[in-house]
Structure formats: structure tokens, C-alpha cells
């Protein structure tokens, strides 16, 4: 793959949090890099990922922003089964979004329509991307997420 190919500025690439990865990504010119803390519910096996802290993520997001690459944080179903309906669950989601906004993240990946609405309402500056965990497998469901403002 070379600079200037048809995927330039369109790819979303996962991170393994290795600081040596970002300089290597420069030649691919991805639009986004995505990742999360190991404690988040994602499709990636956290046992295979290196330990990462919020501070390490902050440093890498700053470097991504300098490189013109957006960072997307994978939240999926962050708060567990139906806990987004509780005050504590919503507070946890909002705390995470405040942190993401503060470090310069471009957006989040979500699977839960309720959480999508919550984030779109309170954090309109964060892009929201639908997760494959949402199992968007019909036109009606795709239209539903589109109407919620998901990319």
C-alpha cells in the first residue's frame, strides 16, 4: 500500500498501544485509529493487548492529533447489561465522554441505541460510530442508527 491510494484518509485501524506503531501508520494515512482501555467491553481479547493507562492513551491521542489522525474510543456496552439505565451507569458514560473530549478524541464506537442517544445529546462534538456488536443487519436498523446521528 502506498501513499495516495484509494483508501488514503478512509481507514480505521486498531491500535495495540505500542508507541512504535503510530510512526509506522503515517504511510497509510488512516482517518482514524481506534482502541480502548482493557476494562472496556470490546470484541478484542484484552488478554492479548498490552496493559494501558489513561495517561498512556492521552499521550498517544496527542500524537495522533499532531499527525492528523482521529482517535475513536471503543465503548460498545461499557456499563454492562442495562446499567446505562441507572443514574450510576449514565454518570460513568458521561465521565468517560468528558475525559475523551478533554484528551482530544474524535469520537466513540457504541452498540447500544440508548447510549448513542445519550452521547449524541450531551456530546454532539463527539462522532458516534456504530459497533458491529449492534448487529446492524437490515436496512431498517441502518436507517434507525442513521437517524440517531451515527456515522
C-alpha atoms as a PDB file:
ATOM      1  CA  UNK A   1       0.000   0.000   0.000  1.00  0.00           C
ATOM      2  CA  UNK A   2       1.388   3.373  -0.934  1.00  0.00           C
ATOM      3  CA  UNK A   3       0.535   6.946  -0.155  1.00  0.00           C
ATOM      4  CA  UNK A   4      -2.203   8.260  -2.399  1.00  0.00           C
ATOM      5  CA  UNK A   5      -4.120   5.008  -2.825  1.00  0.00           C
ATOM      6  CA  UNK A   6      -7.915   4.980  -2.825  1.00  0.00           C
ATOM      7  CA  UNK A   7      -8.024   4.133   0.901  1.00  0.00           C
ATOM      8  CA  UNK A   8      -5.971   7.163   1.940  1.00  0.00           C
ATOM      9  CA  UNK A   9      -7.861   9.083   4.605  1.00  0.00           C
ATOM     10  CA  UNK A  10     -10.625   6.458   4.869  1.00  0.00           C
ATOM     11  CA  UNK A  11      -9.276   3.630   7.025  1.00  0.00           C
ATOM     12  CA  UNK A  12      -9.964   2.999  10.698  1.00  0.00           C
ATOM     13  CA  UNK A  13      -7.078   0.978  12.142  1.00  0.00           C
ATOM     14  CA  UNK A  14      -6.880  -0.667  15.586  1.00  0.00           C
ATOM     15  CA  UNK A  15      -4.078   0.184  17.966  1.00  0.00           C
ATOM     16  CA  UNK A  16      -2.083  -2.173  20.148  1.00  0.00           C
ATOM     17  CA  UNK A  17      -0.860   0.821  22.184  1.00  0.00           C
ATOM     18  CA  UNK A  18       2.738   0.214  21.127  1.00  0.00           C
ATOM     19  CA  UNK A  19       4.301   3.702  20.811  1.00  0.00           C
ATOM     20  CA  UNK A  20       6.287   2.458  17.798  1.00  0.00           C
ATOM     21  CA  UNK A  21       3.040   1.801  15.868  1.00  0.00           C
ATOM     22  CA  UNK A  22       1.997   5.388  15.178  1.00  0.00           C
ATOM     23  CA  UNK A  23       5.041   6.424  13.125  1.00  0.00           C
ATOM     24  CA  UNK A  24       4.556   3.285  11.010  1.00  0.00           C
ATOM     25  CA  UNK A  25       0.913   4.201  10.353  1.00  0.00           C
ATOM     26  CA  UNK A  26       1.889   7.538   8.834  1.00  0.00           C
ATOM     27  CA  UNK A  27       2.444   5.970   5.389  1.00  0.00           C
ATOM     28  CA  UNK A  28      -1.109   4.527   5.375  1.00  0.00           C
ATOM     29  CA  UNK A  29      -2.689   7.859   6.306  1.00  0.00           C
ATOM     30  CA  UNK A  30      -5.658   6.378   8.181  1.00  0.00           C
ATOM     31  CA  UNK A  31      -8.572   8.630   9.046  1.00  0.00           C
ATOM     32  CA  UNK A  32      -8.857   7.046  12.475  1.00  0.00           C
ATOM     33  CA  UNK A  33      -7.125   4.791  14.967  1.00  0.00           C
ATOM     34  CA  UNK A  34      -9.356   3.035  17.479  1.00  0.00           C
ATOM     35  CA  UNK A  35      -8.814   1.422  20.836  1.00  0.00           C
ATOM     36  CA  UNK A  36      -9.828   1.456  24.475  1.00  0.00           C
ATOM     37  CA  UNK A  37      -8.804   0.633  27.991  1.00  0.00           C
ATOM     38  CA  UNK A  38      -8.646  -3.128  28.667  1.00  0.00           C
ATOM     39  CA  UNK A  39     -11.607  -2.774  31.044  1.00  0.00           C
ATOM     40  CA  UNK A  40     -14.000  -1.830  28.213  1.00  0.00           C
ATOM     41  CA  UNK A  41     -16.308  -4.390  26.620  1.00  0.00           C
ATOM     42  CA  UNK A  42     -14.922  -4.863  23.105  1.00  0.00           C
ATOM     43  CA  UNK A  43     -14.549  -7.640  20.566  1.00  0.00           C
ATOM     44  CA  UNK A  44     -10.782  -7.663  21.043  1.00  0.00           C
ATOM     45  CA  UNK A  45      -9.399 -10.081  23.602  1.00  0.00           C
ATOM     46  CA  UNK A  46      -7.892  -7.846  26.277  1.00  0.00           C
ATOM     47  CA  UNK A  47      -5.614 -10.715  27.341  1.00  0.00           C
ATOM     48  CA  UNK A  48      -3.792 -10.241  24.024  1.00  0.00           C
ATOM     49  CA  UNK A  49      -3.411  -6.488  24.433  1.00  0.00           C
ATOM     50  CA  UNK A  50      -0.744  -4.766  26.473  1.00  0.00           C
ATOM     51  CA  UNK A  51      -1.795  -3.002  29.637  1.00  0.00           C
ATOM     52  CA  UNK A  52      -2.536   0.656  29.008  1.00  0.00           C
ATOM     53  CA  UNK A  53      -3.413   3.544  31.292  1.00  0.00           C
ATOM     54  CA  UNK A  54      -5.451   6.668  30.708  1.00  0.00           C
ATOM     55  CA  UNK A  55      -2.218   8.662  30.749  1.00  0.00           C
ATOM     56  CA  UNK A  56      -0.703   6.464  28.027  1.00  0.00           C
ATOM     57  CA  UNK A  57      -3.832   6.909  25.921  1.00  0.00           C
ATOM     58  CA  UNK A  58      -3.701  10.681  26.439  1.00  0.00           C
ATOM     59  CA  UNK A  59      -0.100  10.771  25.187  1.00  0.00           C
ATOM     60  CA  UNK A  60      -0.891   8.690  22.112  1.00  0.00           C
ATOM     61  CA  UNK A  61      -4.029  10.683  21.272  1.00  0.00           C
ATOM     62  CA  UNK A  62      -1.964  13.889  21.406  1.00  0.00           C
ATOM     63  CA  UNK A  63       0.492  12.351  18.937  1.00  0.00           C
ATOM     64  CA  UNK A  64      -2.364  11.149  16.693  1.00  0.00           C
ATOM     65  CA  UNK A  65      -3.808  14.662  16.659  1.00  0.00           C
ATOM     66  CA  UNK A  66      -0.393  16.063  15.660  1.00  0.00           C
ATOM     67  CA  UNK A  67      -0.321  13.531  12.813  1.00  0.00           C
ATOM     68  CA  UNK A  68      -3.849  14.451  11.673  1.00  0.00           C
ATOM     69  CA  UNK A  69      -5.281  11.076  12.702  1.00  0.00           C
ATOM     70  CA  UNK A  70      -8.503  10.974  14.703  1.00  0.00           C
ATOM     71  CA  UNK A  71      -8.826   8.726  17.730  1.00  0.00           C
ATOM     72  CA  UNK A  72     -12.026   6.733  18.207  1.00  0.00           C
ATOM     73  CA  UNK A  73     -12.613   5.186  21.626  1.00  0.00           C
ATOM     74  CA  UNK A  74     -14.417   1.838  21.635  1.00  0.00           C
ATOM     75  CA  UNK A  75     -17.080   1.889  24.341  1.00  0.00           C
ATOM     76  CA  UNK A  76     -19.565  -0.637  22.934  1.00  0.00           C
ATOM     77  CA  UNK A  77     -21.523  -1.699  26.008  1.00  0.00           C
ATOM     78  CA  UNK A  78     -19.280  -0.024  28.559  1.00  0.00           C
ATOM     79  CA  UNK A  79     -21.548  -0.139  31.556  1.00  0.00           C
ATOM     80  CA  UNK A  80     -22.739  -3.746  31.294  1.00  0.00           C
ATOM     81  CA  UNK A  81     -26.243  -5.156  30.911  1.00  0.00           C
ATOM     82  CA  UNK A  82     -28.806  -2.369  31.314  1.00  0.00           C
ATOM     83  CA  UNK A  83     -26.691  -0.383  33.751  1.00  0.00           C
ATOM     84  CA  UNK A  84     -26.876   2.548  31.313  1.00  0.00           C
ATOM     85  CA  UNK A  85     -30.453   2.886  32.571  1.00  0.00           C
ATOM     86  CA  UNK A  86     -29.262   3.633  36.110  1.00  0.00           C
ATOM     87  CA  UNK A  87     -28.031   7.004  37.284  1.00  0.00           C
ATOM     88  CA  UNK A  88     -24.639   5.489  38.105  1.00  0.00           C
ATOM     89  CA  UNK A  89     -24.359   3.912  34.666  1.00  0.00           C
ATOM     90  CA  UNK A  90     -25.222   7.130  32.853  1.00  0.00           C
ATOM     91  CA  UNK A  91     -22.772   9.012  35.074  1.00  0.00           C
ATOM     92  CA  UNK A  92     -19.987   6.556  34.167  1.00  0.00           C
ATOM     93  CA  UNK A  93     -20.713   7.025  30.452  1.00  0.00           C
ATOM     94  CA  UNK A  94     -20.719  10.792  30.805  1.00  0.00           C
ATOM     95  CA  UNK A  95     -17.471  10.765  32.804  1.00  0.00           C
ATOM     96  CA  UNK A  96     -15.803   8.720  30.074  1.00  0.00           C
ATOM     97  CA  UNK A  97     -17.084  11.110  27.386  1.00  0.00           C
ATOM     98  CA  UNK A  98     -15.831  14.129  29.348  1.00  0.00           C
ATOM     99  CA  UNK A  99     -12.401  12.519  29.557  1.00  0.00           C
ATOM    100  CA  UNK A 100     -12.438  11.703  25.835  1.00  0.00           C
ATOM    101  CA  UNK A 101     -13.429  15.230  24.925  1.00  0.00           C
ATOM    102  CA  UNK A 102     -10.682  16.567  27.184  1.00  0.00           C
ATOM    103  CA  UNK A 103      -7.925  14.492  25.580  1.00  0.00           C
ATOM    104  CA  UNK A 104      -8.963  15.367  22.031  1.00  0.00           C
ATOM    105  CA  UNK A 105     -10.604  12.108  20.972  1.00  0.00           C
ATOM    106  CA  UNK A 106     -12.630  12.422  17.798  1.00  0.00           C
ATOM    107  CA  UNK A 107     -15.428  10.041  18.765  1.00  0.00           C
ATOM    108  CA  UNK A 108     -16.701   6.764  20.149  1.00  0.00           C
ATOM    109  CA  UNK A 109     -17.913   3.372  18.942  1.00  0.00           C
ATOM    110  CA  UNK A 110     -21.206   2.324  20.544  1.00  0.00           C
ATOM    111  CA  UNK A 111     -23.565  -0.638  20.269  1.00  0.00           C
ATOM    112  CA  UNK A 112     -26.484   0.482  22.436  1.00  0.00           C
ATOM    113  CA  UNK A 113     -29.059   2.854  20.861  1.00  0.00           C
ATOM    114  CA  UNK A 114     -29.887   4.380  24.260  1.00  0.00           C
ATOM    115  CA  UNK A 115     -26.216   5.199  24.844  1.00  0.00           C
ATOM    116  CA  UNK A 116     -25.988   6.560  21.288  1.00  0.00           C
ATOM    117  CA  UNK A 117     -28.833   8.970  22.071  1.00  0.00           C
ATOM    118  CA  UNK A 118     -27.238   9.954  25.383  1.00  0.00           C
ATOM    119  CA  UNK A 119     -23.869  10.701  23.791  1.00  0.00           C
ATOM    120  CA  UNK A 120     -25.365  12.490  20.769  1.00  0.00           C
ATOM    121  CA  UNK A 121     -27.448  14.701  23.087  1.00  0.00           C
ATOM    122  CA  UNK A 122     -24.772  15.665  25.617  1.00  0.00           C
ATOM    123  CA  UNK A 123     -21.647  15.401  23.456  1.00  0.00           C
ATOM    124  CA  UNK A 124     -22.610  16.485  19.923  1.00  0.00           C
ATOM    125  CA  UNK A 125     -18.952  17.279  19.211  1.00  0.00           C
ATOM    126  CA  UNK A 126     -18.022  13.574  19.535  1.00  0.00           C
ATOM    127  CA  UNK A 127     -18.561  11.465  16.429  1.00  0.00           C
ATOM    128  CA  UNK A 128     -20.556   8.308  17.102  1.00  0.00           C
ATOM    129  CA  UNK A 129     -19.830   5.162  15.108  1.00  0.00           C
ATOM    130  CA  UNK A 130     -21.971   2.046  15.338  1.00  0.00           C
ATOM    131  CA  UNK A 131     -20.294  -1.111  16.591  1.00  0.00           C
ATOM    132  CA  UNK A 132     -20.531  -4.460  14.856  1.00  0.00           C
ATOM    133  CA  UNK A 133     -21.913  -5.637  18.216  1.00  0.00           C
ATOM    134  CA  UNK A 134     -25.099  -3.731  17.310  1.00  0.00           C
ATOM    135  CA  UNK A 135     -25.657  -6.336  14.569  1.00  0.00           C
ATOM    136  CA  UNK A 136     -26.941  -3.845  12.024  1.00  0.00           C
ATOM    137  CA  UNK A 137     -28.227  -6.440   9.576  1.00  0.00           C
ATOM    138  CA  UNK A 138     -31.152  -4.734   7.888  1.00  0.00           C
ATOM    139  CA  UNK A 139     -31.919  -1.523   6.075  1.00  0.00           C
ATOM    140  CA  UNK A 140     -34.435  -0.568   8.774  1.00  0.00           C
ATOM    141  CA  UNK A 141     -31.837  -0.898  11.521  1.00  0.00           C
ATOM    142  CA  UNK A 142     -29.266   1.002   9.459  1.00  0.00           C
ATOM    143  CA  UNK A 143     -31.800   3.804   8.918  1.00  0.00           C
ATOM    144  CA  UNK A 144     -32.576   3.800  12.659  1.00  0.00           C
ATOM    145  CA  UNK A 145     -28.909   4.320  13.554  1.00  0.00           C
ATOM    146  CA  UNK A 146     -28.534   6.901  10.801  1.00  0.00           C
ATOM    147  CA  UNK A 147     -31.440   8.876  12.268  1.00  0.00           C
ATOM    148  CA  UNK A 148     -29.700   8.736  15.644  1.00  0.00           C
ATOM    149  CA  UNK A 149     -26.746  10.516  14.024  1.00  0.00           C
ATOM    150  CA  UNK A 150     -24.361   7.571  13.844  1.00  0.00           C
ATOM    151  CA  UNK A 151     -21.662   7.528  11.181  1.00  0.00           C
END
